[in-house]
Amino acid sequence: MRYLPAVIVDAVLVLVFAVIGRASHDEDPLGFLLTAWPFLVALVVGHALAALVPARPRRPWSLGWGVIVWVVTVAGGMLLRIATGDTAETPFIIVAALVLAALLLGWRLIALLVRRYRAPRSAE
């Protein structure tokens, strides 16, 4: 399954987001799953939606794929938080959107740069 590595990397980064967020508010970092679960559910939905988009590229490590996953992860995670009685204050939405963009798009950007750097150059 070619999508699995990207899903795993993204899931680990969502967990990192939750751990850092809880620790920065002096909350028990061990409760990170309480913070992470809505975003993890939305992340899976985001990957499923990205796989259904008919446009190219259809690579889970591409920036286009990452943008879809990021938007669905943030929006879906916030909606799930609200639906389950948790809060989604404006500052949290902004910080979550920015941090998740840096994490979910950042590794894809690095992968893109590495692929371009390693690409064989045509003889001139």
PDB file of N, CA and C in Angstrom:
ATOM      1  N   MET A   1       0.848  -1.177   0.000  1.00  0.00           N
ATOM      2  CA  MET A   1       0.000   0.000   0.000  1.00  0.00           C
ATOM      3  C   MET A   1       0.892   1.237   0.000  1.00  0.00           C
ATOM      4  N   ARG A   2       0.881   1.962  -1.099  1.00  0.00           N
ATOM      5  CA  ARG A   2       1.804   3.082  -1.252  1.00  0.00           C
ATOM      6  C   ARG A   2       1.430   4.294  -0.423  1.00  0.00           C
ATOM      7  N   TYR A   3       0.207   4.357   0.087  1.00  0.00           N
ATOM      8  CA  TYR A   3      -0.233   5.498   0.880  1.00  0.00           C
ATOM      9  C   TYR A   3       0.171   5.381   2.350  1.00  0.00           C
ATOM     10  N   LEU A   4       0.393   4.184   2.816  1.00  0.00           N
ATOM     11  CA  LEU A   4       0.616   3.940   4.238  1.00  0.00           C
ATOM     12  C   LEU A   4       1.788   4.723   4.830  1.00  0.00           C
ATOM     13  N   PRO A   5       2.954   4.788   4.185  1.00  0.00           N
ATOM     14  CA  PRO A   5       4.049   5.558   4.805  1.00  0.00           C
ATOM     15  C   PRO A   5       3.681   7.023   5.056  1.00  0.00           C
ATOM     16  N   ALA A   6       3.004   7.666   4.121  1.00  0.00           N
ATOM     17  CA  ALA A   6       2.620   9.068   4.309  1.00  0.00           C
ATOM     18  C   ALA A   6       1.593   9.202   5.426  1.00  0.00           C
ATOM     19  N   VAL A   7       0.667   8.263   5.509  1.00  0.00           N
ATOM     20  CA  VAL A   7      -0.335   8.299   6.579  1.00  0.00           C
ATOM     21  C   VAL A   7       0.353   8.151   7.935  1.00  0.00           C
ATOM     22  N   ILE A   8       1.320   7.261   8.023  1.00  0.00           N
ATOM     23  CA  ILE A   8       2.036   7.039   9.282  1.00  0.00           C
ATOM     24  C   ILE A   8       2.829   8.290   9.675  1.00  0.00           C
ATOM     25  N   VAL A   9       3.553   8.876   8.725  1.00  0.00           N
ATOM     26  CA  VAL A   9       4.322  10.087   9.020  1.00  0.00           C
ATOM     27  C   VAL A   9       3.381  11.189   9.500  1.00  0.00           C
ATOM     28  N   ASP A  10       2.273  11.378   8.786  1.00  0.00           N
ATOM     29  CA  ASP A  10       1.313  12.413   9.178  1.00  0.00           C
ATOM     30  C   ASP A  10       0.732  12.143  10.560  1.00  0.00           C
ATOM     31  N   ALA A  11       0.396  10.894  10.848  1.00  0.00           N
ATOM     32  CA  ALA A  11      -0.183  10.549  12.151  1.00  0.00           C
ATOM     33  C   ALA A  11       0.815  10.821  13.275  1.00  0.00           C
ATOM     34  N   VAL A  12       2.061  10.475  13.064  1.00  0.00           N
ATOM     35  CA  VAL A  12       3.093  10.737  14.072  1.00  0.00           C
ATOM     36  C   VAL A  12       3.219  12.243  14.297  1.00  0.00           C
ATOM     37  N   LEU A  13       3.157  13.020  13.233  1.00  0.00           N
ATOM     38  CA  LEU A  13       3.276  14.475  13.366  1.00  0.00           C
ATOM     39  C   LEU A  13       2.066  15.077  14.067  1.00  0.00           C
ATOM     40  N   VAL A  14       0.882  14.533  13.852  1.00  0.00           N
ATOM     41  CA  VAL A  14      -0.301  14.994  14.591  1.00  0.00           C
ATOM     42  C   VAL A  14      -0.136  14.678  16.076  1.00  0.00           C
ATOM     43  N   LEU A  15       0.418  13.516  16.388  1.00  0.00           N
ATOM     44  CA  LEU A  15       0.671  13.173  17.789  1.00  0.00           C
ATOM     45  C   LEU A  15       1.701  14.121  18.402  1.00  0.00           C
ATOM     46  N   VAL A  16       2.730  14.460  17.644  1.00  0.00           N
ATOM     47  CA  VAL A  16       3.740  15.424  18.117  1.00  0.00           C
ATOM     48  C   VAL A  16       3.074  16.772  18.394  1.00  0.00           C
ATOM     49  N   PHE A  17       2.202  17.211  17.492  1.00  0.00           N
ATOM     50  CA  PHE A  17       1.444  18.447  17.675  1.00  0.00           C
ATOM     51  C   PHE A  17       0.680  18.414  18.998  1.00  0.00           C
ATOM     52  N   ALA A  18       0.016  17.309  19.280  1.00  0.00           N
ATOM     53  CA  ALA A  18      -0.784  17.198  20.501  1.00  0.00           C
ATOM     54  C   ALA A  18       0.094  17.195  21.754  1.00  0.00           C
ATOM     55  N   VAL A  19       1.200  16.485  21.721  1.00  0.00           N
ATOM     56  CA  VAL A  19       2.104  16.432  22.869  1.00  0.00           C
ATOM     57  C   VAL A  19       2.694  17.812  23.152  1.00  0.00           C
ATOM     58  N   ILE A  20       3.162  18.484  22.111  1.00  0.00           N
ATOM     59  CA  ILE A  20       3.743  19.820  22.289  1.00  0.00           C
ATOM     60  C   ILE A  20       2.687  20.799  22.799  1.00  0.00           C
ATOM     61  N   GLY A  21       1.499  20.724  22.238  1.00  0.00           N
ATOM     62  CA  GLY A  21       0.427  21.623  22.671  1.00  0.00           C
ATOM     63  C   GLY A  21       0.067  21.438  24.128  1.00  0.00           C
ATOM     64  N   ARG A  22      -0.078  20.203  24.549  1.00  0.00           N
ATOM     65  CA  ARG A  22      -0.421  19.946  25.953  1.00  0.00           C
ATOM     66  C   ARG A  22       0.708  20.378  26.876  1.00  0.00           C
ATOM     67  N   ALA A  23       1.942  20.091  26.495  1.00  0.00           N
ATOM     68  CA  ALA A  23       3.082  20.471  27.336  1.00  0.00           C
ATOM     69  C   ALA A  23       3.220  21.984  27.430  1.00  0.00           C
ATOM     70  N   SER A  24       2.895  22.703  26.356  1.00  0.00           N
ATOM     71  CA  SER A  24       3.039  24.158  26.381  1.00  0.00           C
ATOM     72  C   SER A  24       1.998  24.833  27.268  1.00  0.00           C
ATOM     73  N   HIS A  25       0.947  24.095  27.618  1.00  0.00           N
ATOM     74  CA  HIS A  25      -0.084  24.634  28.506  1.00  0.00           C
ATOM     75  C   HIS A  25      -0.016  24.006  29.900  1.00  0.00           C
ATOM     76  N   ASP A  26       1.105  23.408  30.206  1.00  0.00           N
ATOM     77  CA  ASP A  26       1.323  22.748  31.493  1.00  0.00           C
ATOM     78  C   ASP A  26       0.267  21.694  31.793  1.00  0.00           C
ATOM     79  N   GLU A  27      -0.239  21.052  30.745  1.00  0.00           N
ATOM     80  CA  GLU A  27      -1.165  19.941  30.908  1.00  0.00           C
ATOM     81  C   GLU A  27      -0.368  18.652  30.857  1.00  0.00           C
ATOM     82  N   ASP A  28      -0.941  17.607  31.369  1.00  0.00           N
ATOM     83  CA  ASP A  28      -0.267  16.310  31.362  1.00  0.00           C
ATOM     84  C   ASP A  28      -0.066  15.859  29.915  1.00  0.00           C
ATOM     85  N   PRO A  29       1.195  15.784  29.467  1.00  0.00           N
ATOM     86  CA  PRO A  29       1.442  15.356  28.092  1.00  0.00           C
ATOM     87  C   PRO A  29       0.944  13.942  27.808  1.00  0.00           C
ATOM     88  N   LEU A  30       0.785  13.135  28.850  1.00  0.00           N
ATOM     89  CA  LEU A  30       0.315  11.769  28.641  1.00  0.00           C
ATOM     90  C   LEU A  30      -1.142  11.712  28.178  1.00  0.00           C
ATOM     91  N   GLY A  31      -1.865  12.811  28.329  1.00  0.00           N
ATOM     92  CA  GLY A  31      -3.234  12.863  27.842  1.00  0.00           C
ATOM     93  C   GLY A  31      -3.326  13.329  26.402  1.00  0.00           C
ATOM     94  N   PHE A  32      -2.213  13.224  25.677  1.00  0.00           N
ATOM     95  CA  PHE A  32      -2.165  13.745  24.315  1.00  0.00           C
ATOM     96  C   PHE A  32      -3.173  13.081  23.392  1.00  0.00           C
ATOM     97  N   LEU A  33      -3.564  11.857  23.670  1.00  0.00           N
ATOM     98  CA  LEU A  33      -4.549  11.198  22.801  1.00  0.00           C
ATOM     99  C   LEU A  33      -5.910  11.881  22.876  1.00  0.00           C
ATOM    100  N   LEU A  34      -6.218  12.481  24.022  1.00  0.00           N
ATOM    101  CA  LEU A  34      -7.474  13.229  24.137  1.00  0.00           C
ATOM    102  C   LEU A  34      -7.484  14.435  23.202  1.00  0.00           C
ATOM    103  N   THR A  35      -6.335  15.028  23.038  1.00  0.00           N
ATOM    104  CA  THR A  35      -6.210  16.163  22.119  1.00  0.00           C
ATOM    105  C   THR A  35      -6.087  15.693  20.677  1.00  0.00           C
ATOM    106  N   ALA A  36      -5.387  14.603  20.463  1.00  0.00           N
ATOM    107  CA  ALA A  36      -5.051  14.173  19.104  1.00  0.00           C
ATOM    108  C   ALA A  36      -6.170  13.445  18.374  1.00  0.00           C
ATOM    109  N   TRP A  37      -7.040  12.708  19.076  1.00  0.00           N
ATOM    110  CA  TRP A  37      -7.955  11.816  18.374  1.00  0.00           C
ATOM    111  C   TRP A  37      -8.828  12.495  17.319  1.00  0.00           C
ATOM    112  N   PRO A  38      -9.381  13.709  17.562  1.00  0.00           N
ATOM    113  CA  PRO A  38     -10.204  14.297  16.496  1.00  0.00           C
ATOM    114  C   PRO A  38      -9.389  14.603  15.233  1.00  0.00           C
ATOM    115  N   PHE A  39      -8.151  15.006  15.433  1.00  0.00           N
ATOM    116  CA  PHE A  39      -7.293  15.327  14.304  1.00  0.00           C
ATOM    117  C   PHE A  39      -6.827  14.061  13.588  1.00  0.00           C
ATOM    118  N   LEU A  40      -6.627  12.979  14.329  1.00  0.00           N
ATOM    119  CA  LEU A  40      -6.252  11.717  13.697  1.00  0.00           C
ATOM    120  C   LEU A  40      -7.394  11.163  12.846  1.00  0.00           C
ATOM    121  N   VAL A  41      -8.618  11.257  13.353  1.00  0.00           N
ATOM    122  CA  VAL A  41      -9.780  10.812  12.576  1.00  0.00           C
ATOM    123  C   VAL A  41      -9.900  11.653  11.305  1.00  0.00           C
ATOM    124  N   ALA A  42      -9.787  12.972  11.455  1.00  0.00           N
ATOM    125  CA  ALA A  42      -9.874  13.868  10.303  1.00  0.00           C
ATOM    126  C   ALA A  42      -8.721  13.636   9.326  1.00  0.00           C
ATOM    127  N   LEU A  43      -7.556  13.285   9.845  1.00  0.00           N
ATOM    128  CA  LEU A  43      -6.402  12.992   9.000  1.00  0.00           C
ATOM    129  C   LEU A  43      -6.686  11.813   8.076  1.00  0.00           C
ATOM    130  N   VAL A  44      -7.271  10.770   8.620  1.00  0.00           N
ATOM    131  CA  VAL A  44      -7.605   9.595   7.808  1.00  0.00           C
ATOM    132  C   VAL A  44      -8.624   9.978   6.731  1.00  0.00           C
ATOM    133  N   VAL A  45      -9.619  10.765   7.112  1.00  0.00           N
ATOM    134  CA  VAL A  45     -10.606  11.245   6.137  1.00  0.00           C
ATOM    135  C   VAL A  45      -9.919  12.090   5.071  1.00  0.00           C
ATOM    136  N   GLY A  46      -8.989  12.932   5.483  1.00  0.00           N
ATOM    137  CA  GLY A  46      -8.250  13.769   4.534  1.00  0.00           C
ATOM    138  C   GLY A  46      -7.478  12.947   3.514  1.00  0.00           C
ATOM    139  N   HIS A  47      -6.831  11.886   3.973  1.00  0.00           N
ATOM    140  CA  HIS A  47      -6.104  11.017   3.044  1.00  0.00           C
ATOM    141  C   HIS A  47      -7.071  10.310   2.099  1.00  0.00           C
ATOM    142  N   ALA A  48      -8.216   9.886   2.611  1.00  0.00           N
ATOM    143  CA  ALA A  48      -9.207   9.230   1.758  1.00  0.00           C
ATOM    144  C   ALA A  48      -9.721  10.201   0.696  1.00  0.00           C
ATOM    145  N   LEU A  49     -10.004  11.430   1.095  1.00  0.00           N
ATOM    146  CA  LEU A  49     -10.476  12.423   0.126  1.00  0.00           C
ATOM    147  C   LEU A  49      -9.401  12.756  -0.902  1.00  0.00           C
ATOM    148  N   ALA A  50      -8.168  12.888  -0.449  1.00  0.00           N
ATOM    149  CA  ALA A  50      -7.075  13.187  -1.378  1.00  0.00           C
ATOM    150  C   ALA A  50      -6.911  12.060  -2.396  1.00  0.00           C
ATOM    151  N   ALA A  51      -7.135  10.832  -1.965  1.00  0.00           N
ATOM    152  CA  ALA A  51      -7.017   9.696  -2.885  1.00  0.00           C
ATOM    153  C   ALA A  51      -8.125   9.705  -3.930  1.00  0.00           C
ATOM    154  N   LEU A  52      -9.251  10.328  -3.612  1.00  0.00           N
ATOM    155  CA  LEU A  52     -10.385  10.368  -4.535  1.00  0.00           C
ATOM    156  C   LEU A  52     -10.321  11.526  -5.522  1.00  0.00           C
ATOM    157  N   VAL A  53      -9.462  12.491  -5.280  1.00  0.00           N
ATOM    158  CA  VAL A  53      -9.361  13.638  -6.178  1.00  0.00           C
ATOM    159  C   VAL A  53      -8.813  13.159  -7.522  1.00  0.00           C
ATOM    160  N   PRO A  54      -9.533  13.447  -8.607  1.00  0.00           N
ATOM    161  CA  PRO A  54      -9.108  12.927  -9.907  1.00  0.00           C
ATOM    162  C   PRO A  54      -7.892  13.624 -10.503  1.00  0.00           C
ATOM    163  N   ALA A  55      -7.556  14.811 -10.019  1.00  0.00           N
ATOM    164  CA  ALA A  55      -6.430  15.556 -10.583  1.00  0.00           C
ATOM    165  C   ALA A  55      -5.101  14.933 -10.186  1.00  0.00           C
ATOM    166  N   ARG A  56      -4.102  15.223 -10.920  1.00  0.00           N
ATOM    167  CA  ARG A  56      -2.753  14.763 -10.628  1.00  0.00           C
ATOM    168  C   ARG A  56      -2.008  15.853  -9.891  1.00  0.00           C
ATOM    169  N   PRO A  57      -0.998  15.620  -9.124  1.00  0.00           N
ATOM    170  CA  PRO A  57      -0.413  14.310  -8.877  1.00  0.00           C
ATOM    171  C   PRO A  57      -1.170  13.554  -7.794  1.00  0.00           C
ATOM    172  N   ARG A  58      -1.127  12.259  -7.872  1.00  0.00           N
ATOM    173  CA  ARG A  58      -1.798  11.412  -6.899  1.00  0.00           C
ATOM    174  C   ARG A  58      -0.779  10.723  -5.999  1.00  0.00           C
ATOM    175  N   ARG A  59       0.212  11.465  -5.612  1.00  0.00           N
ATOM    176  CA  ARG A  59       1.234  10.917  -4.718  1.00  0.00           C
ATOM    177  C   ARG A  59       1.017  11.483  -3.327  1.00  0.00           C
ATOM    178  N   PRO A  60       0.946  10.638  -2.316  1.00  0.00           N
ATOM    179  CA  PRO A  60       0.666  11.118  -0.960  1.00  0.00           C
ATOM    180  C   PRO A  60       1.771  11.992  -0.372  1.00  0.00           C
ATOM    181  N   TRP A  61       2.923  12.008  -0.974  1.00  0.00           N
ATOM    182  CA  TRP A  61       3.997  12.856  -0.471  1.00  0.00           C
ATOM    183  C   TRP A  61       4.070  14.190  -1.228  1.00  0.00           C
ATOM    184  N   SER A  62       3.141  14.420  -2.170  1.00  0.00           N
ATOM    185  CA  SER A  62       3.151  15.675  -2.922  1.00  0.00           C
ATOM    186  C   SER A  62       2.528  16.804  -2.093  1.00  0.00           C
ATOM    187  N   LEU A  63       2.880  18.034  -2.441  1.00  0.00           N
ATOM    188  CA  LEU A  63       2.326  19.189  -1.733  1.00  0.00           C
ATOM    189  C   LEU A  63       0.824  19.306  -1.956  1.00  0.00           C
ATOM    190  N   GLY A  64       0.355  19.001  -3.157  1.00  0.00           N
ATOM    191  CA  GLY A  64      -1.080  19.061  -3.436  1.00  0.00           C
ATOM    192  C   GLY A  64      -1.876  18.128  -2.541  1.00  0.00           C
ATOM    193  N   TRP A  65      -1.383  16.918  -2.399  1.00  0.00           N
ATOM    194  CA  TRP A  65      -2.005  15.937  -1.512  1.00  0.00           C
ATOM    195  C   TRP A  65      -1.968  16.461  -0.077  1.00  0.00           C
ATOM    196  N   GLY A  66      -0.828  17.006   0.300  1.00  0.00           N
ATOM    197  CA  GLY A  66      -0.650  17.515   1.655  1.00  0.00           C
ATOM    198  C   GLY A  66      -1.594  18.655   1.991  1.00  0.00           C
ATOM    199  N   VAL A  67      -1.866  19.523   1.024  1.00  0.00           N
ATOM    200  CA  VAL A  67      -2.786  20.631   1.272  1.00  0.00           C
ATOM    201  C   VAL A  67      -4.183  20.097   1.577  1.00  0.00           C
ATOM    202  N   ILE A  68      -4.623  19.113   0.817  1.00  0.00           N
ATOM    203  CA  ILE A  68      -5.939  18.515   1.071  1.00  0.00           C
ATOM    204  C   ILE A  68      -5.976  17.891   2.459  1.00  0.00           C
ATOM    205  N   VAL A  69      -4.953  17.121   2.783  1.00  0.00           N
ATOM    206  CA  VAL A  69      -4.892  16.467   4.094  1.00  0.00           C
ATOM    207  C   VAL A  69      -4.868  17.506   5.208  1.00  0.00           C
ATOM    208  N   TRP A  70      -4.095  18.548   5.041  1.00  0.00           N
ATOM    209  CA  TRP A  70      -3.990  19.601   6.059  1.00  0.00           C
ATOM    210  C   TRP A  70      -5.324  20.292   6.290  1.00  0.00           C
ATOM    211  N   VAL A  71      -5.976  20.730   5.218  1.00  0.00           N
ATOM    212  CA  VAL A  71      -7.249  21.446   5.359  1.00  0.00           C
ATOM    213  C   VAL A  71      -8.292  20.559   6.027  1.00  0.00           C
ATOM    214  N   VAL A  72      -8.405  19.317   5.596  1.00  0.00           N
ATOM    215  CA  VAL A  72      -9.399  18.409   6.179  1.00  0.00           C
ATOM    216  C   VAL A  72      -9.054  18.077   7.624  1.00  0.00           C
ATOM    217  N   THR A  73      -7.768  17.923   7.911  1.00  0.00           N
ATOM    218  CA  THR A  73      -7.345  17.616   9.281  1.00  0.00           C
ATOM    219  C   THR A  73      -7.697  18.754  10.235  1.00  0.00           C
ATOM    220  N   VAL A  74      -7.402  19.977   9.845  1.00  0.00           N
ATOM    221  CA  VAL A  74      -7.711  21.121  10.714  1.00  0.00           C
ATOM    222  C   VAL A  74      -9.221  21.305  10.842  1.00  0.00           C
ATOM    223  N   ALA A  75      -9.913  21.401   9.714  1.00  0.00           N
ATOM    224  CA  ALA A  75     -11.362  21.652   9.751  1.00  0.00           C
ATOM    225  C   ALA A  75     -12.110  20.498  10.416  1.00  0.00           C
ATOM    226  N   GLY A  76     -11.795  19.284  10.020  1.00  0.00           N
ATOM    227  CA  GLY A  76     -12.467  18.116  10.594  1.00  0.00           C
ATOM    228  C   GLY A  76     -12.145  17.941  12.066  1.00  0.00           C
ATOM    229  N   GLY A  77     -10.889  18.165  12.438  1.00  0.00           N
ATOM    230  CA  GLY A  77     -10.503  18.058  13.846  1.00  0.00           C
ATOM    231  C   GLY A  77     -11.238  19.063  14.711  1.00  0.00           C
ATOM    232  N   MET A  78     -11.360  20.273  14.227  1.00  0.00           N
ATOM    233  CA  MET A  78     -12.093  21.297  14.987  1.00  0.00           C
ATOM    234  C   MET A  78     -13.579  20.948  15.089  1.00  0.00           C
ATOM    235  N   LEU A  79     -14.157  20.503  13.998  1.00  0.00           N
ATOM    236  CA  LEU A  79     -15.579  20.125  14.020  1.00  0.00           C
ATOM    237  C   LEU A  79     -15.832  18.961  14.972  1.00  0.00           C
ATOM    238  N   LEU A  80     -14.951  17.982  14.975  1.00  0.00           N
ATOM    239  CA  LEU A  80     -15.101  16.859  15.902  1.00  0.00           C
ATOM    240  C   LEU A  80     -14.940  17.301  17.348  1.00  0.00           C
ATOM    241  N   ARG A  81     -14.009  18.210  17.606  1.00  0.00           N
ATOM    242  CA  ARG A  81     -13.843  18.738  18.973  1.00  0.00           C
ATOM    243  C   ARG A  81     -15.133  19.392  19.440  1.00  0.00           C
ATOM    244  N   ILE A  82     -15.705  20.239  18.591  1.00  0.00           N
ATOM    245  CA  ILE A  82     -16.933  20.950  18.950  1.00  0.00           C
ATOM    246  C   ILE A  82     -18.095  19.968  19.110  1.00  0.00           C
ATOM    247  N   ALA A  83     -18.194  19.007  18.207  1.00  0.00           N
ATOM    248  CA  ALA A  83     -19.291  18.033  18.248  1.00  0.00           C
ATOM    249  C   ALA A  83     -19.254  17.177  19.507  1.00  0.00           C
ATOM    250  N   THR A  84     -18.074  16.993  20.078  1.00  0.00           N
ATOM    251  CA  THR A  84     -17.946  16.167  21.283  1.00  0.00           C
ATOM    252  C   THR A  84     -17.886  16.996  22.559  1.00  0.00           C
ATOM    253  N   GLY A  85     -18.205  18.291  22.444  1.00  0.00           N
ATOM    254  CA  GLY A  85     -18.282  19.133  23.635  1.00  0.00           C
ATOM    255  C   GLY A  85     -17.000  19.800  24.046  1.00  0.00           C
ATOM    256  N   ASP A  86     -15.973  19.676  23.255  1.00  0.00           N
ATOM    257  CA  ASP A  86     -14.711  20.347  23.573  1.00  0.00           C
ATOM    258  C   ASP A  86     -14.735  21.747  22.952  1.00  0.00           C
ATOM    259  N   THR A  87     -13.710  22.518  23.195  1.00  0.00           N
ATOM    260  CA  THR A  87     -13.671  23.889  22.692  1.00  0.00           C
ATOM    261  C   THR A  87     -12.816  23.990  21.432  1.00  0.00           C
ATOM    262  N   ALA A  88     -13.035  25.058  20.706  1.00  0.00           N
ATOM    263  CA  ALA A  88     -12.209  25.379  19.543  1.00  0.00           C
ATOM    264  C   ALA A  88     -12.174  26.901  19.443  1.00  0.00           C
ATOM    265  N   GLU A  89     -11.482  27.505  20.383  1.00  0.00           N
ATOM    266  CA  GLU A  89     -11.365  28.959  20.419  1.00  0.00           C
ATOM    267  C   GLU A  89     -10.518  29.437  19.234  1.00  0.00           C
ATOM    268  N   THR A  90     -10.742  30.660  18.825  1.00  0.00           N
ATOM    269  CA  THR A  90     -10.056  31.217  17.659  1.00  0.00           C
ATOM    270  C   THR A  90      -8.530  31.125  17.758  1.00  0.00           C
ATOM    271  N   PRO A  91      -7.918  31.469  18.892  1.00  0.00           N
ATOM    272  CA  PRO A  91      -6.452  31.336  18.959  1.00  0.00           C
ATOM    273  C   PRO A  91      -5.988  29.886  18.753  1.00  0.00           C
ATOM    274  N   PHE A  92      -6.739  28.933  19.286  1.00  0.00           N
ATOM    275  CA  PHE A  92      -6.375  27.524  19.101  1.00  0.00           C
ATOM    276  C   PHE A  92      -6.492  27.132  17.638  1.00  0.00           C
ATOM    277  N   ILE A  93      -7.528  27.577  16.973  1.00  0.00           N
ATOM    278  CA  ILE A  93      -7.717  27.258  15.557  1.00  0.00           C
ATOM    279  C   ILE A  93      -6.544  27.811  14.742  1.00  0.00           C
ATOM    280  N   ILE A  94      -6.153  29.043  15.023  1.00  0.00           N
ATOM    281  CA  ILE A  94      -5.050  29.668  14.288  1.00  0.00           C
ATOM    282  C   ILE A  94      -3.740  28.922  14.532  1.00  0.00           C
ATOM    283  N   VAL A  95      -3.447  28.652  15.798  1.00  0.00           N
ATOM    284  CA  VAL A  95      -2.197  27.954  16.130  1.00  0.00           C
ATOM    285  C   VAL A  95      -2.196  26.543  15.547  1.00  0.00           C
ATOM    286  N   ALA A  96      -3.297  25.838  15.680  1.00  0.00           N
ATOM    287  CA  ALA A  96      -3.374  24.478  15.139  1.00  0.00           C
ATOM    288  C   ALA A  96      -3.198  24.484  13.624  1.00  0.00           C
ATOM    289  N   ALA A  97      -3.839  25.436  12.956  1.00  0.00           N
ATOM    290  CA  ALA A  97      -3.712  25.512  11.498  1.00  0.00           C
ATOM    291  C   ALA A  97      -2.268  25.782  11.084  1.00  0.00           C
ATOM    292  N   LEU A  98      -1.605  26.699  11.775  1.00  0.00           N
ATOM    293  CA  LEU A  98      -0.223  27.036  11.423  1.00  0.00           C
ATOM    294  C   LEU A  98       0.745  25.905  11.748  1.00  0.00           C
ATOM    295  N   VAL A  99       0.604  25.321  12.924  1.00  0.00           N
ATOM    296  CA  VAL A  99       1.520  24.247  13.317  1.00  0.00           C
ATOM    297  C   VAL A  99       1.306  23.016  12.439  1.00  0.00           C
ATOM    298  N   LEU A 100       0.055  22.654  12.200  1.00  0.00           N
ATOM    299  CA  LEU A 100      -0.204  21.498  11.348  1.00  0.00           C
ATOM    300  C   LEU A 100       0.229  21.755   9.909  1.00  0.00           C
ATOM    301  N   ALA A 101       0.120  22.994   9.438  1.00  0.00           N
ATOM    302  CA  ALA A 101       0.632  23.315   8.099  1.00  0.00           C
ATOM    303  C   ALA A 101       2.141  23.105   8.057  1.00  0.00           C
ATOM    304  N   ALA A 102       2.829  23.612   9.073  1.00  0.00           N
ATOM    305  CA  ALA A 102       4.285  23.448   9.118  1.00  0.00           C
ATOM    306  C   ALA A 102       4.676  21.975   9.153  1.00  0.00           C
ATOM    307  N   LEU A 103       3.939  21.178   9.920  1.00  0.00           N
ATOM    308  CA  LEU A 103       4.285  19.761  10.053  1.00  0.00           C
ATOM    309  C   LEU A 103       3.858  18.953   8.826  1.00  0.00           C
ATOM    310  N   LEU A 104       2.597  19.058   8.432  1.00  0.00           N
ATOM    311  CA  LEU A 104       2.068  18.208   7.356  1.00  0.00           C
ATOM    312  C   LEU A 104       2.557  18.631   5.977  1.00  0.00           C
ATOM    313  N   LEU A 105       2.819  19.912   5.804  1.00  0.00           N
ATOM    314  CA  LEU A 105       3.343  20.376   4.514  1.00  0.00           C
ATOM    315  C   LEU A 105       4.863  20.462   4.528  1.00  0.00           C
ATOM    316  N   GLY A 106       5.428  20.696   5.706  1.00  0.00           N
ATOM    317  CA  GLY A 106       6.879  20.838   5.816  1.00  0.00           C
ATOM    318  C   GLY A 106       7.642  19.610   5.382  1.00  0.00           C
ATOM    319  N   TRP A 107       7.222  18.431   5.838  1.00  0.00           N
ATOM    320  CA  TRP A 107       7.968  17.234   5.444  1.00  0.00           C
ATOM    321  C   TRP A 107       7.805  16.953   3.960  1.00  0.00           C
ATOM    322  N   ARG A 108       6.666  17.321   3.396  1.00  0.00           N
ATOM    323  CA  ARG A 108       6.459  17.132   1.960  1.00  0.00           C
ATOM    324  C   ARG A 108       7.348  18.086   1.159  1.00  0.00           C
ATOM    325  N   LEU A 109       7.494  19.303   1.645  1.00  0.00           N
ATOM    326  CA  LEU A 109       8.374  20.258   0.976  1.00  0.00           C
ATOM    327  C   LEU A 109       9.821  19.774   1.018  1.00  0.00           C
ATOM    328  N   ILE A 110      10.243  19.268   2.152  1.00  0.00           N
ATOM    329  CA  ILE A 110      11.599  18.719   2.264  1.00  0.00           C
ATOM    330  C   ILE A 110      11.767  17.541   1.307  1.00  0.00           C
ATOM    331  N   ALA A 111      10.769  16.658   1.232  1.00  0.00           N
ATOM    332  CA  ALA A 111      10.843  15.520   0.316  1.00  0.00           C
ATOM    333  C   ALA A 111      10.935  15.987  -1.138  1.00  0.00           C
ATOM    334  N   LEU A 112      10.173  17.027  -1.479  1.00  0.00           N
ATOM    335  CA  LEU A 112      10.218  17.581  -2.832  1.00  0.00           C
ATOM    336  C   LEU A 112      11.609  18.111  -3.152  1.00  0.00           C
ATOM    337  N   LEU A 113      12.186  18.852  -2.225  1.00  0.00           N
ATOM    338  CA  LEU A 113      13.525  19.406  -2.441  1.00  0.00           C
ATOM    339  C   LEU A 113      14.574  18.309  -2.553  1.00  0.00           C
ATOM    340  N   VAL A 114      14.465  17.280  -1.738  1.00  0.00           N
ATOM    341  CA  VAL A 114      15.414  16.163  -1.802  1.00  0.00           C
ATOM    342  C   VAL A 114      15.292  15.446  -3.143  1.00  0.00           C
ATOM    343  N   ARG A 115      14.043  15.212  -3.587  1.00  0.00           N
ATOM    344  CA  ARG A 115      13.853  14.540  -4.883  1.00  0.00           C
ATOM    345  C   ARG A 115      14.439  15.371  -6.019  1.00  0.00           C
ATOM    346  N   ARG A 116      14.242  16.668  -5.972  1.00  0.00           N
ATOM    347  CA  ARG A 116      14.784  17.526  -7.029  1.00  0.00           C
ATOM    348  C   ARG A 116      16.302  17.571  -6.981  1.00  0.00           C
ATOM    349  N   TYR A 117      16.861  17.586  -5.783  1.00  0.00           N
ATOM    350  CA  TYR A 117      18.315  17.633  -5.636  1.00  0.00           C
ATOM    351  C   TYR A 117      18.953  16.335  -6.127  1.00  0.00           C
ATOM    352  N   ARG A 118      18.291  15.224  -5.857  1.00  0.00           N
ATOM    353  CA  ARG A 118      18.826  13.919  -6.239  1.00  0.00           C
ATOM    354  C   ARG A 118      18.489  13.522  -7.669  1.00  0.00           C
ATOM    355  N   ALA A 119      17.602  14.253  -8.309  1.00  0.00           N
ATOM    356  CA  ALA A 119      17.211  13.910  -9.680  1.00  0.00           C
ATOM    357  C   ALA A 119      18.413  13.974 -10.601  1.00  0.00           C
ATOM    358  N   PRO A 120      18.528  12.982 -11.471  1.00  0.00           N
ATOM    359  CA  PRO A 120      19.672  13.030 -12.408  1.00  0.00           C
ATOM    360  C   PRO A 120      19.537  14.226 -13.342  1.00  0.00           C
ATOM    361  N   ARG A 121      20.628  14.906 -13.535  1.00  0.00           N
ATOM    362  CA  ARG A 121      20.629  16.079 -14.398  1.00  0.00           C
ATOM    363  C   ARG A 121      20.953  15.655 -15.829  1.00  0.00           C
ATOM    364  N   SER A 122      20.269  16.272 -16.759  1.00  0.00           N
ATOM    365  CA  SER A 122      20.508  15.929 -18.161  1.00  0.00           C
ATOM    366  C   SER A 122      21.873  16.476 -18.594  1.00  0.00           C
ATOM    367  N   ALA A 123      22.504  15.749 -19.471  1.00  0.00           N
ATOM    368  CA  ALA A 123      23.824  16.168 -19.967  1.00  0.00           C
ATOM    369  C   ALA A 123      23.659  17.389 -20.858  1.00  0.00           C
ATOM    370  N   GLU A 124      24.482  18.385 -20.639  1.00  0.00           N
ATOM    371  CA  GLU A 124      24.383  19.617 -21.421  1.00  0.00           C
ATOM    372  C   GLU A 124      25.421  19.660 -22.495  1.00  0.00           C
TER     373      GLU A 124
END
